[in-house]
N, C-alpha and C. Protein backbone atom coordinates (compact mmCIF):
# COMPACT_ATOMS: atom_id res chain seq x y z
N MET A 1 7.37 -8.29 10.20
CA MET A 1 7.08 -9.15 9.65
C MET A 1 7.93 -9.17 8.27
N TYR A 2 7.92 -8.21 7.78
CA TYR A 2 8.72 -7.93 5.87
C TYR A 2 9.46 -6.81 6.93
N ASP A 3 10.50 -7.00 6.76
CA ASP A 3 11.50 -6.40 7.46
C ASP A 3 12.29 -5.58 6.56
N GLU A 4 11.99 -5.83 5.34
CA GLU A 4 12.68 -4.78 4.70
C GLU A 4 11.78 -4.10 4.06
N ALA A 5 10.68 -4.05 4.30
CA ALA A 5 9.44 -3.13 3.76
C ALA A 5 9.24 -1.35 3.40
N GLU A 6 9.60 -0.46 3.34
CA GLU A 6 9.65 0.71 3.13
C GLU A 6 8.51 1.01 3.07
N LEU A 7 8.58 1.86 4.43
CA LEU A 7 7.22 2.37 4.54
C LEU A 7 6.74 3.61 4.24
N LEU A 8 5.87 3.38 3.89
CA LEU A 8 4.66 4.84 3.40
C LEU A 8 3.45 4.99 4.43
N ASP A 9 3.33 6.14 4.98
CA ASP A 9 2.41 6.57 6.72
C ASP A 9 1.29 7.68 5.84
N THR A 10 0.82 7.07 5.18
CA THR A 10 -0.41 8.35 4.67
C THR A 10 -1.38 8.65 6.03
N SER A 11 -0.39 8.23 7.26
CA SER A 11 -2.09 8.64 7.97
C SER A 11 -2.40 10.44 8.02
N GLY A 12 -3.93 10.71 7.91
CA GLY A 12 -4.63 11.81 8.12
C GLY A 12 -4.81 12.40 6.55
N LEU A 13 -4.29 10.85 5.50
CA LEU A 13 -4.64 11.67 3.89
C LEU A 13 -5.90 11.05 3.65
N MET A 14 -6.73 11.46 2.27
CA MET A 14 -7.94 10.59 2.57
C MET A 14 -7.53 10.99 1.05
N CYS A 15 -8.96 10.02 0.50
CA CYS A 15 -8.70 9.51 -0.78
C CYS A 15 -8.37 10.95 -1.60
N PRO A 16 -7.98 10.92 -3.02
CA PRO A 16 -7.07 9.82 -3.46
C PRO A 16 -6.01 10.22 -3.29
N GLU A 17 -5.16 10.73 -2.06
CA GLU A 17 -3.72 10.62 -1.58
C GLU A 17 -3.47 9.43 -1.29
N PRO A 18 -3.63 8.64 -1.12
CA PRO A 18 -2.82 7.70 -0.30
C PRO A 18 -2.18 6.65 -1.37
N VAL A 19 -3.70 6.71 -2.31
CA VAL A 19 -3.62 5.14 -3.77
C VAL A 19 -1.81 6.22 -4.71
N MET A 20 -2.15 7.87 -4.64
CA MET A 20 -1.25 8.26 -5.36
C MET A 20 -0.37 7.90 -4.83
N MET A 21 0.41 8.65 -3.18
CA MET A 21 1.62 8.46 -3.13
C MET A 21 2.22 6.69 -3.02
N LEU A 22 1.07 5.81 -2.71
CA LEU A 22 1.00 4.75 -3.20
C LEU A 22 1.68 4.16 -4.70
N HIS A 23 1.61 5.17 -5.47
CA HIS A 23 1.56 4.76 -6.89
C HIS A 23 2.90 5.30 -7.02
N GLY A 24 3.44 6.62 -6.21
CA GLY A 24 4.73 7.32 -6.90
C GLY A 24 6.08 5.70 -5.73
N ALA A 25 5.41 5.69 -4.59
CA ALA A 25 6.41 4.41 -4.18
C ALA A 25 6.70 3.75 -4.84
N VAL A 26 5.31 2.60 -5.44
CA VAL A 26 5.95 1.17 -6.24
C VAL A 26 6.61 2.29 -7.15
N ARG A 27 6.54 3.03 -7.74
CA ARG A 27 7.59 3.14 -9.07
C ARG A 27 8.92 3.25 -8.81
N ASP A 28 8.72 4.03 -7.38
CA ASP A 28 10.91 4.20 -6.84
C ASP A 28 10.79 3.01 -6.58
N CYS A 29 10.02 2.03 -6.30
CA CYS A 29 10.63 0.84 -5.32
C CYS A 29 10.92 -0.15 -6.64
N ALA A 30 12.41 -0.97 -5.94
CA ALA A 30 12.53 -2.24 -7.04
C ALA A 30 11.69 -3.42 -7.21
N VAL A 31 11.45 -4.41 -8.26
CA VAL A 31 11.34 -5.20 -8.72
C VAL A 31 11.34 -6.41 -7.37
N GLY A 32 9.95 -6.67 -6.55
CA GLY A 32 10.40 -7.78 -5.76
C GLY A 32 10.42 -6.97 -4.04
N GLY A 33 11.03 -5.30 -3.99
CA GLY A 33 10.44 -5.05 -3.27
C GLY A 33 9.11 -4.80 -2.37
N VAL A 34 9.12 -4.75 -1.10
CA VAL A 34 8.09 -4.61 -0.15
C VAL A 34 7.97 -2.84 0.28
N ILE A 35 6.67 -2.99 0.41
CA ILE A 35 5.82 -1.44 0.71
C ILE A 35 4.94 -1.93 1.75
N LYS A 36 5.19 -1.11 2.99
CA LYS A 36 4.40 -1.18 4.13
C LYS A 36 3.76 0.02 4.19
N VAL A 37 2.08 0.30 4.05
CA VAL A 37 1.29 1.22 3.94
C VAL A 37 0.56 1.57 5.18
N ILE A 38 0.57 2.42 5.27
CA ILE A 38 -0.21 2.50 7.04
C ILE A 38 -1.10 4.35 6.82
N ALA A 39 -2.61 3.39 6.62
CA ALA A 39 -3.67 4.64 6.53
C ALA A 39 -4.61 4.61 7.41
N THR A 40 -5.54 5.89 7.46
CA THR A 40 -6.85 5.91 8.40
C THR A 40 -7.35 5.93 7.27
N ASP A 41 -7.59 6.09 6.16
CA ASP A 41 -8.73 6.37 5.48
C ASP A 41 -9.41 4.56 5.53
N PRO A 42 -10.38 4.84 5.80
CA PRO A 42 -11.37 3.43 5.70
C PRO A 42 -11.29 2.94 3.90
N SER A 43 -11.30 4.28 3.07
CA SER A 43 -11.82 4.21 1.63
C SER A 43 -10.32 2.76 0.88
N THR A 44 -9.22 2.73 2.07
CA THR A 44 -8.43 2.57 1.37
C THR A 44 -8.40 0.98 1.59
N GLN A 45 -8.84 0.86 2.17
CA GLN A 45 -9.68 -1.18 2.05
C GLN A 45 -10.41 -1.66 0.75
N ARG A 46 -10.78 -0.93 -0.13
CA ARG A 46 -11.39 -1.15 -1.09
C ARG A 46 -10.46 -0.83 -2.09
N ASP A 47 -9.96 0.61 -2.09
CA ASP A 47 -8.96 1.24 -3.16
C ASP A 47 -7.40 0.30 -3.32
N ILE A 48 -6.91 0.45 -2.07
CA ILE A 48 -5.78 0.01 -2.01
C ILE A 48 -5.59 -1.84 -3.05
N PRO A 49 -6.30 -2.90 -2.63
CA PRO A 49 -6.88 -4.10 -2.97
C PRO A 49 -6.88 -3.75 -4.52
N LYS A 50 -7.76 -2.65 -4.69
CA LYS A 50 -7.94 -2.54 -6.62
C LYS A 50 -6.62 -1.96 -7.04
N PHE A 51 -6.22 -0.98 -6.77
CA PHE A 51 -5.17 -0.94 -7.13
C PHE A 51 -3.99 -2.65 -7.36
N CYS A 52 -3.46 -2.71 -6.51
CA CYS A 52 -2.94 -4.12 -6.97
C CYS A 52 -3.25 -4.87 -7.61
N SER A 53 -4.71 -5.08 -7.66
CA SER A 53 -5.23 -6.26 -9.02
C SER A 53 -5.13 -5.23 -9.87
N PHE A 54 -5.03 -4.01 -10.38
CA PHE A 54 -5.44 -3.60 -11.56
C PHE A 54 -3.98 -3.36 -11.64
N LEU A 55 -3.19 -2.75 -11.44
CA LEU A 55 -1.38 -2.76 -11.51
C LEU A 55 -0.64 -4.48 -11.38
N GLY A 56 -1.30 -5.60 -11.02
CA GLY A 56 -0.40 -6.63 -11.02
C GLY A 56 0.49 -6.29 -10.05
N HIS A 57 0.16 -5.81 -9.07
CA HIS A 57 1.15 -5.68 -7.74
C HIS A 57 0.19 -6.77 -6.40
N GLU A 58 1.27 -7.47 -6.12
CA GLU A 58 0.51 -8.42 -5.14
C GLU A 58 0.44 -8.10 -2.88
N LEU A 59 -0.47 -8.02 -3.55
CA LEU A 59 -1.20 -7.79 -1.94
C LEU A 59 -1.36 -8.66 -0.91
N LEU A 60 0.32 -8.77 -0.20
CA LEU A 60 0.66 -9.43 0.94
C LEU A 60 -0.28 -10.40 1.75
N GLU A 61 -0.62 -9.25 2.40
CA GLU A 61 -1.34 -9.08 3.80
C GLU A 61 -2.15 -7.39 3.77
N GLN A 62 -3.45 -7.78 4.57
CA GLN A 62 -3.65 -6.49 5.13
C GLN A 62 -4.30 -6.93 6.43
N GLN A 63 -4.65 -5.64 7.13
CA GLN A 63 -4.45 -5.44 9.16
C GLN A 63 -5.71 -4.39 9.16
N GLN A 64 -6.76 -4.15 10.19
CA GLN A 64 -6.93 -2.88 10.50
C GLN A 64 -7.03 -3.44 12.50
N SER A 65 -6.41 -2.02 12.49
CA SER A 65 -6.49 -1.83 13.94
C SER A 65 -7.10 -0.16 14.68
N ASP A 66 -8.36 -0.50 15.04
CA ASP A 66 -8.33 0.74 15.82
C ASP A 66 -8.26 2.06 14.57
N LYS A 67 -8.76 2.03 13.42
CA LYS A 67 -8.75 2.79 12.67
C LYS A 67 -7.67 3.39 11.89
N CYS A 68 -7.12 2.37 12.16
CA CYS A 68 -5.50 2.27 11.25
C CYS A 68 -5.58 0.88 10.34
N TYR A 69 -5.38 1.23 8.90
CA TYR A 69 -5.39 -0.10 8.10
C TYR A 69 -3.74 -0.38 7.87
N ILE A 70 -3.17 -1.34 8.00
CA ILE A 70 -2.24 -1.54 7.29
C ILE A 70 -1.84 -2.48 6.82
N TYR A 71 -1.12 -2.12 4.70
CA TYR A 71 -1.08 -3.27 3.74
C TYR A 71 0.40 -3.10 3.41
N TRP A 72 0.65 -4.74 3.04
CA TRP A 72 2.03 -5.07 2.71
C TRP A 72 1.56 -5.15 1.22
N ILE A 73 2.74 -4.74 0.14
CA ILE A 73 2.61 -4.82 -1.35
C ILE A 73 3.96 -5.36 -1.54
N ARG A 74 3.85 -6.34 -2.41
CA ARG A 74 5.18 -6.53 -2.92
C ARG A 74 5.29 -5.71 -4.82
N LYS A 75 5.75 -5.44 -5.08
CA LYS A 75 6.37 -4.71 -6.40
C LYS A 75 6.37 -6.18 -7.75
N GLN A 76 5.63 -6.08 -8.30
CA GLN A 76 5.39 -7.12 -9.50
C GLN A 76 6.10 -6.49 -11.13
N GLU A 77 6.62 -6.71 -11.88
CA GLU A 77 7.28 -6.72 -13.12
C GLU A 77 6.37 -6.49 -14.16
N ALA A 78 5.95 -4.90 -14.52
CA ALA A 78 5.26 -4.42 -15.30
C ALA A 78 4.94 -5.17 -17.01
């Protein structure tokens, strides 16, 4: 889907660790870059969209399948 996406696998981690790891990944990502986040914590369904909205990054897509949550986020300029 987003072939150039950087993968951030937070499987098995619980809140707040997935968002903390995403914060670090976004910081290290170039503007316009895409990060694919894989998570198993259901609270990411709330936390990651809020993270993107609050910091101004674009949530391109989110999917759910069998207790796995996947997000594609594009870093925007600060």
